[in-house]
Amino acid sequence: MANEAPPEKKTVRVSIFNQSYSLVTTGKESDVEDLAHRVDELMNNIARGTNADASRIAVLACMHLADELRSAESKHRSLSKLLEESLTD
């Protein structure tokens, strides 16, 4: 078996909530940029509805994203179970 080179690491500069970040990825740079844009929009939307500081806004954004993840995981489990049941019938 041939040794594969480790994935190339690339640095991507993004702006989230008026702060600049250098993020390292082995994936597509556009994926990191899209995620950063989504987080930036979410934080700015939250900020419009509150007088909270940046740390609290970040925590609220994390809670929102964690809730979305939990919902997606639940849907995934349900779909996996349905698929498994349909394959055993």
N, C-alpha and C. Protein backbone atom coordinates (compact mmCIF):
# COMPACT_ATOMS: atom_id res chain seq x y z
N MET A 1 0.85 -1.18 0.00
CA MET A 1 0.00 0.00 0.00
C MET A 1 0.90 1.24 0.00
N ALA A 2 0.64 2.16 -0.90
CA ALA A 2 1.46 3.37 -1.03
C ALA A 2 1.13 4.35 0.09
N ASN A 3 2.17 5.03 0.54
CA ASN A 3 1.96 6.06 1.55
C ASN A 3 1.34 7.28 0.90
N GLU A 4 0.24 7.71 1.45
CA GLU A 4 -0.41 8.90 0.93
C GLU A 4 0.10 10.11 1.69
N ALA A 5 0.30 11.19 0.98
CA ALA A 5 0.73 12.43 1.62
C ALA A 5 -0.42 12.96 2.47
N PRO A 6 -0.10 13.56 3.60
CA PRO A 6 -1.18 14.14 4.41
C PRO A 6 -1.87 15.25 3.63
N PRO A 7 -3.15 15.49 3.92
CA PRO A 7 -3.87 16.55 3.20
C PRO A 7 -3.17 17.90 3.37
N GLU A 8 -3.19 18.65 2.31
CA GLU A 8 -2.55 19.97 2.33
C GLU A 8 -3.35 20.92 3.22
N LYS A 9 -2.63 21.61 4.11
CA LYS A 9 -3.28 22.58 4.98
C LYS A 9 -3.23 23.95 4.31
N LYS A 10 -4.37 24.63 4.34
CA LYS A 10 -4.47 25.97 3.76
C LYS A 10 -5.00 26.92 4.83
N THR A 11 -4.53 28.13 4.81
CA THR A 11 -5.02 29.15 5.73
C THR A 11 -6.04 30.02 5.01
N VAL A 12 -7.17 30.21 5.66
CA VAL A 12 -8.25 31.02 5.10
C VAL A 12 -8.51 32.18 6.05
N ARG A 13 -8.53 33.39 5.52
CA ARG A 13 -8.84 34.58 6.33
C ARG A 13 -10.34 34.86 6.21
N VAL A 14 -10.99 34.97 7.36
CA VAL A 14 -12.42 35.27 7.37
C VAL A 14 -12.70 36.36 8.40
N SER A 15 -13.87 36.96 8.27
CA SER A 15 -14.31 37.98 9.23
C SER A 15 -15.63 37.51 9.84
N ILE A 16 -15.65 37.46 11.16
CA ILE A 16 -16.87 37.08 11.89
C ILE A 16 -17.11 38.13 12.97
N PHE A 17 -18.26 38.75 12.89
CA PHE A 17 -18.67 39.75 13.87
C PHE A 17 -17.59 40.82 14.06
N ASN A 18 -17.13 41.33 12.93
CA ASN A 18 -16.13 42.42 12.86
C ASN A 18 -14.77 42.04 13.43
N GLN A 19 -14.50 40.75 13.49
CA GLN A 19 -13.18 40.27 13.92
C GLN A 19 -12.60 39.41 12.81
N SER A 20 -11.31 39.56 12.57
CA SER A 20 -10.65 38.78 11.53
C SER A 20 -10.02 37.53 12.14
N TYR A 21 -10.14 36.41 11.44
CA TYR A 21 -9.60 35.14 11.90
C TYR A 21 -8.84 34.47 10.76
N SER A 22 -7.74 33.82 11.10
CA SER A 22 -7.02 32.96 10.17
C SER A 22 -7.32 31.53 10.58
N LEU A 23 -8.00 30.81 9.72
CA LEU A 23 -8.40 29.44 10.02
C LEU A 23 -7.67 28.48 9.10
N VAL A 24 -7.25 27.36 9.64
CA VAL A 24 -6.53 26.35 8.86
C VAL A 24 -7.51 25.24 8.49
N THR A 25 -7.46 24.83 7.22
CA THR A 25 -8.34 23.76 6.76
C THR A 25 -7.58 22.82 5.83
N THR A 26 -8.04 21.59 5.78
CA THR A 26 -7.54 20.65 4.78
C THR A 26 -8.62 20.43 3.73
N GLY A 27 -9.74 21.08 3.91
CA GLY A 27 -10.85 20.97 2.97
C GLY A 27 -10.86 22.14 2.00
N LYS A 28 -12.04 22.38 1.45
CA LYS A 28 -12.18 23.48 0.50
C LYS A 28 -12.25 24.82 1.24
N GLU A 29 -11.49 25.77 0.75
CA GLU A 29 -11.48 27.11 1.37
C GLU A 29 -12.87 27.73 1.31
N SER A 30 -13.59 27.49 0.23
CA SER A 30 -14.93 28.07 0.08
C SER A 30 -15.89 27.54 1.15
N ASP A 31 -15.69 26.29 1.59
CA ASP A 31 -16.54 25.75 2.65
C ASP A 31 -16.33 26.52 3.95
N VAL A 32 -15.08 26.81 4.28
CA VAL A 32 -14.76 27.57 5.50
C VAL A 32 -15.33 28.98 5.39
N GLU A 33 -15.19 29.59 4.22
CA GLU A 33 -15.73 30.94 4.01
C GLU A 33 -17.25 30.94 4.15
N ASP A 34 -17.91 29.92 3.61
CA ASP A 34 -19.37 29.84 3.73
C ASP A 34 -19.81 29.68 5.19
N LEU A 35 -19.11 28.83 5.93
CA LEU A 35 -19.44 28.65 7.35
C LEU A 35 -19.23 29.94 8.13
N ALA A 36 -18.12 30.61 7.87
CA ALA A 36 -17.83 31.87 8.56
C ALA A 36 -18.91 32.91 8.25
N HIS A 37 -19.33 32.95 7.00
CA HIS A 37 -20.38 33.89 6.61
C HIS A 37 -21.69 33.58 7.34
N ARG A 38 -22.00 32.29 7.46
CA ARG A 38 -23.22 31.90 8.17
C ARG A 38 -23.16 32.31 9.65
N VAL A 39 -22.03 32.08 10.30
CA VAL A 39 -21.86 32.45 11.71
C VAL A 39 -21.92 33.97 11.85
N ASP A 40 -21.28 34.69 10.93
CA ASP A 40 -21.30 36.16 10.97
C ASP A 40 -22.73 36.68 10.86
N GLU A 41 -23.49 36.14 9.91
CA GLU A 41 -24.89 36.58 9.76
C GLU A 41 -25.71 36.28 11.01
N LEU A 42 -25.52 35.09 11.56
CA LEU A 42 -26.26 34.69 12.76
C LEU A 42 -25.94 35.63 13.92
N MET A 43 -24.66 35.88 14.13
CA MET A 43 -24.27 36.75 15.26
C MET A 43 -24.80 38.17 15.06
N ASN A 44 -24.75 38.67 13.84
CA ASN A 44 -25.27 40.01 13.57
C ASN A 44 -26.78 40.06 13.75
N ASN A 45 -27.49 39.01 13.37
CA ASN A 45 -28.94 38.97 13.59
C ASN A 45 -29.27 38.95 15.08
N ILE A 46 -28.52 38.19 15.84
CA ILE A 46 -28.73 38.14 17.29
C ILE A 46 -28.43 39.51 17.91
N ALA A 47 -27.35 40.14 17.46
CA ALA A 47 -26.94 41.44 18.01
C ALA A 47 -28.01 42.50 17.78
N ARG A 48 -28.72 42.41 16.66
CA ARG A 48 -29.78 43.40 16.38
C ARG A 48 -30.92 43.30 17.39
N GLY A 49 -31.10 42.14 18.00
CA GLY A 49 -32.21 41.96 18.92
C GLY A 49 -31.84 42.09 20.39
N THR A 50 -30.60 42.47 20.67
CA THR A 50 -30.17 42.53 22.07
C THR A 50 -29.05 43.56 22.24
N ASN A 51 -28.82 43.92 23.49
CA ASN A 51 -27.70 44.81 23.81
C ASN A 51 -26.53 44.03 24.41
N ALA A 52 -26.52 42.71 24.21
CA ALA A 52 -25.50 41.86 24.82
C ALA A 52 -24.12 42.12 24.21
N ASP A 53 -23.09 41.77 24.99
CA ASP A 53 -21.72 41.91 24.49
C ASP A 53 -21.39 40.75 23.54
N ALA A 54 -20.24 40.86 22.88
CA ALA A 54 -19.85 39.89 21.86
C ALA A 54 -19.78 38.46 22.40
N SER A 55 -19.30 38.30 23.63
CA SER A 55 -19.20 36.96 24.21
C SER A 55 -20.57 36.32 24.37
N ARG A 56 -21.52 37.08 24.87
CA ARG A 56 -22.88 36.54 25.04
C ARG A 56 -23.53 36.25 23.70
N ILE A 57 -23.29 37.11 22.73
CA ILE A 57 -23.83 36.89 21.39
C ILE A 57 -23.24 35.61 20.80
N ALA A 58 -21.95 35.38 21.01
CA ALA A 58 -21.30 34.16 20.53
C ALA A 58 -21.90 32.93 21.18
N VAL A 59 -22.16 33.00 22.48
CA VAL A 59 -22.77 31.86 23.19
C VAL A 59 -24.17 31.61 22.65
N LEU A 60 -24.95 32.65 22.43
CA LEU A 60 -26.29 32.48 21.88
C LEU A 60 -26.24 31.87 20.48
N ALA A 61 -25.27 32.28 19.69
CA ALA A 61 -25.10 31.71 18.35
C ALA A 61 -24.74 30.23 18.45
N CYS A 62 -23.85 29.90 19.38
CA CYS A 62 -23.48 28.50 19.59
C CYS A 62 -24.68 27.68 20.01
N MET A 63 -25.50 28.20 20.89
CA MET A 63 -26.70 27.49 21.33
C MET A 63 -27.66 27.26 20.15
N HIS A 64 -27.80 28.27 19.32
CA HIS A 64 -28.66 28.14 18.15
C HIS A 64 -28.14 27.04 17.22
N LEU A 65 -26.84 27.06 16.94
CA LEU A 65 -26.23 26.06 16.06
C LEU A 65 -26.27 24.67 16.69
N ALA A 66 -26.09 24.59 18.01
CA ALA A 66 -26.17 23.29 18.69
C ALA A 66 -27.58 22.73 18.58
N ASP A 67 -28.59 23.59 18.68
CA ASP A 67 -29.97 23.14 18.53
C ASP A 67 -30.22 22.64 17.11
N GLU A 68 -29.69 23.34 16.10
CA GLU A 68 -29.82 22.89 14.72
C GLU A 68 -29.15 21.53 14.53
N LEU A 69 -27.97 21.35 15.12
CA LEU A 69 -27.25 20.09 15.02
C LEU A 69 -28.05 18.96 15.66
N ARG A 70 -28.58 19.21 16.84
CA ARG A 70 -29.38 18.19 17.53
C ARG A 70 -30.58 17.78 16.69
N SER A 71 -31.24 18.75 16.09
CA SER A 71 -32.39 18.47 15.23
C SER A 71 -31.97 17.65 14.01
N ALA A 72 -30.86 18.02 13.39
CA ALA A 72 -30.37 17.28 12.22
C ALA A 72 -29.98 15.86 12.60
N GLU A 73 -29.35 15.69 13.76
CA GLU A 73 -28.98 14.35 14.22
C GLU A 73 -30.21 13.50 14.47
N SER A 74 -31.24 14.08 15.04
CA SER A 74 -32.48 13.36 15.31
C SER A 74 -33.13 12.92 13.99
N LYS A 75 -33.17 13.82 13.02
CA LYS A 75 -33.72 13.47 11.71
C LYS A 75 -32.89 12.36 11.06
N HIS A 76 -31.58 12.45 11.18
CA HIS A 76 -30.70 11.43 10.62
C HIS A 76 -30.98 10.06 11.23
N ARG A 77 -31.12 10.02 12.57
CA ARG A 77 -31.42 8.75 13.24
C ARG A 77 -32.75 8.19 12.76
N SER A 78 -33.76 9.05 12.64
CA SER A 78 -35.07 8.60 12.18
C SER A 78 -35.01 8.05 10.77
N LEU A 79 -34.32 8.76 9.89
CA LEU A 79 -34.20 8.31 8.50
C LEU A 79 -33.39 7.02 8.41
N SER A 80 -32.34 6.91 9.21
CA SER A 80 -31.54 5.68 9.22
C SER A 80 -32.37 4.50 9.68
N LYS A 81 -33.19 4.73 10.70
CA LYS A 81 -34.05 3.66 11.22
C LYS A 81 -35.07 3.25 10.17
N LEU A 82 -35.67 4.22 9.49
CA LEU A 82 -36.64 3.90 8.44
C LEU A 82 -35.98 3.12 7.30
N LEU A 83 -34.80 3.53 6.92
CA LEU A 83 -34.07 2.84 5.86
C LEU A 83 -33.75 1.41 6.27
N GLU A 84 -33.28 1.27 7.49
CA GLU A 84 -32.94 -0.07 8.00
C GLU A 84 -34.18 -0.96 8.01
N GLU A 85 -35.30 -0.41 8.48
CA GLU A 85 -36.55 -1.18 8.52
C GLU A 85 -37.02 -1.56 7.12
N SER A 86 -36.87 -0.65 6.17
CA SER A 86 -37.33 -0.94 4.80
C SER A 86 -36.44 -2.00 4.14
N LEU A 87 -35.18 -2.05 4.52
CA LEU A 87 -34.27 -3.04 3.94
C LEU A 87 -34.48 -4.43 4.54
N THR A 88 -35.05 -4.50 5.75
CA THR A 88 -35.26 -5.80 6.39
C THR A 88 -36.65 -6.36 6.10
N ASP A 89 -37.51 -5.56 5.50
CA ASP A 89 -38.87 -6.03 5.18
C ASP A 89 -38.87 -6.86 3.91
